[in-house]
């Protein structure tokens, strides 16, 4: 009897773990034409997962993305990166979102495209990579020169607390702008020792209050991605805070 119960428990655990693993497929044409628009559809099979999901796909310079149906997600296309984020994903076990891809007149003759789905399982961040595709573009050019300007790199100095000690050390974190984003863990009247919190930093505010933060990200989207991981560690009230020139933006 005990062996039967143990077998049932193990089978349930395996099935439950498998159900949380996420996969995806994408309908992406293998042939395109310069100056044309195409509808791209991506289907995410999330199983029983109800946690944070983010789809990310680099888009070549000069191409444009327009949202068609993000299925309740937040679509952003910034700096040649397409991101669709679901804090709470759709209830269906599999859902399909779509966007319009506009090919420029001066497109290359060939491009390689690939996307990834990021999600959280048991407090661990996981990634599912879609297969890389090679797309032929009719009317494309042999070589497209891309004029890019290197972003100014500045250094923000923060105090980093070791996870198992109250001593502090100074760490230089390079960022590409004056504004960065951190995840506030909490505010306390005394020092606290947080374990398993990545890039833990602290700032002493008025009245001797010590505020603890995790990470230091160049964009709000990057911080939101890690916020789900921090929430899963038990910090349900954590939230994203913007910093500029080392000070909290009100």
Protein backbone atom coordinates (compact mmCIF):
# COMPACT_ATOMS: atom_id res chain seq x y z
CA UNK A 1 0.00 0.00 0.00
CA UNK A 2 2.79 2.42 0.93
CA UNK A 3 4.60 1.66 -2.33
CA UNK A 4 1.43 2.44 -4.30
CA UNK A 5 0.96 5.76 -2.49
CA UNK A 6 4.62 6.67 -3.04
CA UNK A 7 4.31 5.86 -6.76
CA UNK A 8 1.18 8.03 -7.05
CA UNK A 9 2.90 10.93 -5.28
CA UNK A 10 5.97 10.68 -7.51
CA UNK A 11 3.83 10.52 -10.65
CA UNK A 12 1.83 13.56 -9.51
CA UNK A 13 5.03 15.49 -8.78
CA UNK A 14 6.50 14.68 -12.19
CA UNK A 15 3.27 15.63 -13.97
CA UNK A 16 2.94 18.85 -11.97
CA UNK A 17 6.53 19.86 -12.75
CA UNK A 18 6.05 19.05 -16.41
CA UNK A 19 2.82 21.07 -16.53
CA UNK A 20 4.70 24.14 -15.36
CA UNK A 21 7.28 23.92 -18.16
CA UNK A 22 6.47 26.40 -20.92
CA UNK A 23 6.97 25.97 -24.66
CA UNK A 24 6.20 28.17 -27.66
CA UNK A 25 5.88 28.11 -31.45
CA UNK A 26 5.94 30.99 -33.92
CA UNK A 27 4.50 31.45 -37.41
CA UNK A 28 7.25 33.43 -39.11
CA UNK A 29 7.50 33.53 -42.93
CA UNK A 30 10.66 32.16 -44.51
CA UNK A 31 10.37 34.63 -47.40
CA UNK A 32 9.58 38.35 -47.22
CA UNK A 33 9.70 41.38 -49.51
CA UNK A 34 11.20 44.79 -48.79
CA UNK A 35 8.57 47.43 -48.02
CA UNK A 36 5.87 44.90 -47.07
CA UNK A 37 4.01 44.19 -43.80
CA UNK A 38 3.60 40.75 -42.24
CA UNK A 39 1.53 39.36 -39.37
CA UNK A 40 3.61 37.34 -36.91
CA UNK A 41 1.79 34.93 -34.59
CA UNK A 42 3.32 33.32 -31.51
CA UNK A 43 1.62 30.61 -29.47
CA UNK A 44 2.71 30.03 -25.86
CA UNK A 45 1.76 26.76 -24.19
CA UNK A 46 1.87 27.60 -20.49
CA UNK A 47 0.09 24.54 -19.11
CA UNK A 48 -1.12 25.24 -15.57
CA UNK A 49 1.37 28.03 -14.88
CA UNK A 50 -0.18 31.21 -13.47
CA UNK A 51 3.06 33.11 -12.92
CA UNK A 52 4.88 35.88 -14.76
CA UNK A 53 5.70 35.28 -18.45
CA UNK A 54 7.73 37.47 -20.81
CA UNK A 55 8.36 37.02 -24.53
CA UNK A 56 11.46 38.74 -25.96
CA UNK A 57 12.61 38.94 -29.58
CA UNK A 58 15.39 41.04 -31.16
CA UNK A 59 14.17 42.85 -34.28
CA UNK A 60 16.72 44.08 -36.88
CA UNK A 61 17.43 47.79 -37.07
CA UNK A 62 15.07 49.59 -39.46
CA UNK A 63 12.20 47.13 -39.04
CA UNK A 64 9.08 48.26 -37.18
CA UNK A 65 6.63 46.46 -34.89
CA UNK A 66 2.96 47.33 -34.38
CA UNK A 67 0.75 45.55 -31.86
CA UNK A 68 -2.22 43.57 -33.19
CA UNK A 69 -3.32 41.48 -30.20
CA UNK A 70 -1.11 40.98 -27.13
CA UNK A 71 -3.71 38.92 -25.23
CA UNK A 72 -3.74 41.26 -22.26
CA UNK A 73 0.05 41.57 -22.15
CA UNK A 74 2.10 44.76 -22.28
CA UNK A 75 3.88 45.08 -25.63
CA UNK A 76 6.91 47.36 -25.93
CA UNK A 77 9.29 47.79 -28.84
CA UNK A 78 12.36 49.77 -27.76
CA UNK A 79 15.96 49.76 -29.03
CA UNK A 80 15.33 46.93 -31.54
CA UNK A 81 13.96 44.63 -28.79
CA UNK A 82 10.33 43.47 -28.80
CA UNK A 83 8.99 42.50 -25.37
CA UNK A 84 5.53 41.30 -24.37
CA UNK A 85 5.01 40.92 -20.62
CA UNK A 86 2.21 39.20 -18.72
CA UNK A 87 2.25 39.71 -14.95
CA UNK A 88 -0.78 37.41 -14.87
CA UNK A 89 -0.94 35.38 -18.10
CA UNK A 90 -4.20 34.46 -19.90
CA UNK A 91 -6.22 31.67 -18.31
CA UNK A 92 -6.00 29.39 -21.35
CA UNK A 93 -3.40 26.63 -21.27
CA UNK A 94 -2.22 27.88 -24.68
CA UNK A 95 -2.73 31.37 -26.09
CA UNK A 96 -1.67 33.15 -29.30
CA UNK A 97 -0.60 36.79 -29.57
CA UNK A 98 0.27 38.67 -32.75
CA UNK A 99 2.06 41.74 -34.06
CA UNK A 100 2.67 43.38 -37.44
CA UNK A 101 6.25 43.40 -38.71
CA UNK A 102 7.05 46.13 -41.26
CA UNK A 103 10.04 45.41 -43.50
CA UNK A 104 11.94 48.56 -44.60
CA UNK A 105 12.80 49.29 -48.23
CA UNK A 106 16.50 49.10 -47.39
CA UNK A 107 16.35 45.70 -45.72
CA UNK A 108 19.15 43.13 -45.97
CA UNK A 109 18.76 40.20 -48.33
CA UNK A 110 18.77 37.79 -45.41
CA UNK A 111 18.21 37.97 -41.67
CA UNK A 112 18.21 35.55 -38.76
CA UNK A 113 15.42 35.80 -36.20
CA UNK A 114 14.90 34.10 -32.84
CA UNK A 115 12.80 34.66 -29.72
CA UNK A 116 12.71 33.50 -26.10
CA UNK A 117 10.05 32.99 -23.44
CA UNK A 118 11.07 33.72 -19.84
CA UNK A 119 9.09 32.42 -16.87
CA UNK A 120 9.35 31.45 -13.18
CA UNK A 121 9.15 27.92 -11.76
CA UNK A 122 9.80 27.28 -8.04
CA UNK A 123 11.45 30.72 -7.65
CA UNK A 124 13.84 29.92 -10.51
CA UNK A 125 13.94 31.91 -13.73
CA UNK A 126 13.73 29.71 -16.83
CA UNK A 127 14.00 30.31 -20.56
CA UNK A 128 12.52 28.57 -23.57
CA UNK A 129 14.26 29.46 -26.85
CA UNK A 130 12.41 29.26 -30.12
CA UNK A 131 14.37 27.78 -33.06
CA UNK A 132 16.39 30.32 -35.02
CA UNK A 133 14.96 31.10 -38.45
CA UNK A 134 16.67 32.36 -41.59
CA UNK A 135 14.46 34.69 -43.63
CA UNK A 136 15.09 35.61 -47.27
CA UNK A 137 14.01 39.13 -48.28
CA UNK A 138 13.19 39.82 -51.93
CA UNK A 139 14.43 43.22 -53.02
CA UNK A 140 16.84 43.38 -50.08
CA UNK A 141 20.33 44.82 -50.21
CA UNK A 142 23.63 42.97 -49.92
CA UNK A 143 24.76 45.07 -46.97
CA UNK A 144 22.99 47.63 -44.83
CA UNK A 145 25.22 50.08 -43.01
CA UNK A 146 23.88 50.83 -39.56
CA UNK A 147 24.71 54.20 -38.06
CA UNK A 148 24.76 53.76 -34.34
CA UNK A 149 25.91 56.06 -31.59
CA UNK A 150 27.58 54.49 -28.60
CA UNK A 151 25.68 55.25 -25.42
CA UNK A 152 27.56 57.19 -22.79
CA UNK A 153 28.61 54.87 -20.01
CA UNK A 154 28.56 56.15 -16.48
CA UNK A 155 29.25 54.48 -13.18
CA UNK A 156 26.89 54.39 -10.24
CA UNK A 157 28.45 53.49 -6.90
CA UNK A 158 26.23 51.60 -4.45
CA UNK A 159 26.75 49.89 -1.10
CA UNK A 160 26.35 46.15 -1.38
CA UNK A 161 25.60 44.07 1.72
CA UNK A 162 26.96 40.54 1.84
CA UNK A 163 24.19 38.00 2.49
CA UNK A 164 25.79 36.60 5.62
CA UNK A 165 27.39 39.63 7.25
CA UNK A 166 26.60 43.18 8.29
CA UNK A 167 29.78 44.61 6.75
CA UNK A 168 29.45 46.62 3.55
CA UNK A 169 31.57 46.91 0.44
CA UNK A 170 31.42 49.34 -2.46
CA UNK A 171 30.66 48.00 -5.94
CA UNK A 172 30.74 49.97 -9.19
CA UNK A 173 27.87 49.10 -11.51
CA UNK A 174 28.07 50.45 -15.09
CA UNK A 175 24.83 51.80 -16.54
CA UNK A 176 24.00 53.55 -19.78
CA UNK A 177 22.01 56.51 -18.39
CA UNK A 178 21.49 58.56 -15.25
CA UNK A 179 18.23 56.75 -14.50
CA UNK A 180 18.18 53.20 -13.14
CA UNK A 181 15.61 50.98 -11.45
CA UNK A 182 15.82 48.84 -8.32
CA UNK A 183 13.42 46.56 -6.46
CA UNK A 184 12.67 47.77 -2.92
CA UNK A 185 12.54 44.84 -0.50
CA UNK A 186 11.46 46.82 2.57
CA UNK A 187 12.24 49.65 4.99
CA UNK A 188 13.38 48.98 8.57
CA UNK A 189 14.66 50.81 11.66
CA UNK A 190 17.54 48.36 12.08
CA UNK A 191 19.89 46.35 9.89
CA UNK A 192 18.55 43.13 8.41
CA UNK A 193 20.30 40.13 6.92
CA UNK A 194 18.54 38.94 3.76
CA UNK A 195 19.69 35.69 2.22
CA UNK A 196 19.22 34.61 -1.40
CA UNK A 197 18.52 38.18 -2.54
CA UNK A 198 20.63 39.12 -5.60
CA UNK A 199 22.59 42.40 -5.66
CA UNK A 200 21.38 43.49 -2.23
CA UNK A 201 21.95 47.20 -1.50
CA UNK A 202 20.82 49.57 1.24
CA UNK A 203 20.14 53.30 1.54
CA UNK A 204 19.75 55.13 4.85
CA UNK A 205 16.78 57.50 4.68
CA UNK A 206 15.54 60.21 7.05
CA UNK A 207 14.87 59.18 10.64
CA UNK A 208 17.45 56.39 10.51
CA UNK A 209 15.23 54.20 8.32
CA UNK A 210 17.22 51.70 6.23
CA UNK A 211 15.74 50.79 2.87
CA UNK A 212 16.88 47.59 1.18
CA UNK A 213 16.94 47.10 -2.59
CA UNK A 214 17.70 44.30 -5.03
CA UNK A 215 19.35 44.79 -8.41
CA UNK A 216 20.19 47.87 -10.45
CA UNK A 217 18.58 47.78 -13.89
CA UNK A 218 18.76 50.22 -16.84
CA UNK A 219 15.04 49.91 -17.69
CA UNK A 220 11.80 49.49 -15.77
CA UNK A 221 10.98 46.43 -17.88
CA UNK A 222 14.15 44.67 -16.77
CA UNK A 223 13.32 45.43 -13.13
CA UNK A 224 9.75 44.14 -13.54
CA UNK A 225 11.15 40.90 -14.96
CA UNK A 226 13.14 40.31 -11.76
CA UNK A 227 10.31 41.57 -9.52
CA UNK A 228 8.41 38.33 -10.10
CA UNK A 229 11.45 36.38 -8.91
CA UNK A 230 11.70 38.53 -5.75
CA UNK A 231 7.96 38.11 -5.07
CA UNK A 232 8.38 34.35 -5.39
CA UNK A 233 11.06 34.44 -2.67
CA UNK A 234 8.40 35.66 -0.20
CA UNK A 235 8.74 39.45 -0.57
CA UNK A 236 5.15 40.00 -1.68
CA UNK A 237 5.18 43.75 -1.00
CA UNK A 238 8.36 44.44 -3.04
CA UNK A 239 8.05 47.04 -5.78
CA UNK A 240 10.12 48.85 -8.42
CA UNK A 241 11.73 52.21 -7.56
CA UNK A 242 13.34 54.62 -10.03
CA UNK A 243 16.69 56.27 -9.22
CA UNK A 244 18.28 59.24 -10.94
CA UNK A 245 21.81 60.38 -10.15
CA UNK A 246 21.75 58.02 -7.17
CA UNK A 247 18.56 59.52 -5.66
CA UNK A 248 15.03 58.11 -5.51
CA UNK A 249 12.61 59.78 -7.93
CA UNK A 250 9.45 60.90 -6.17
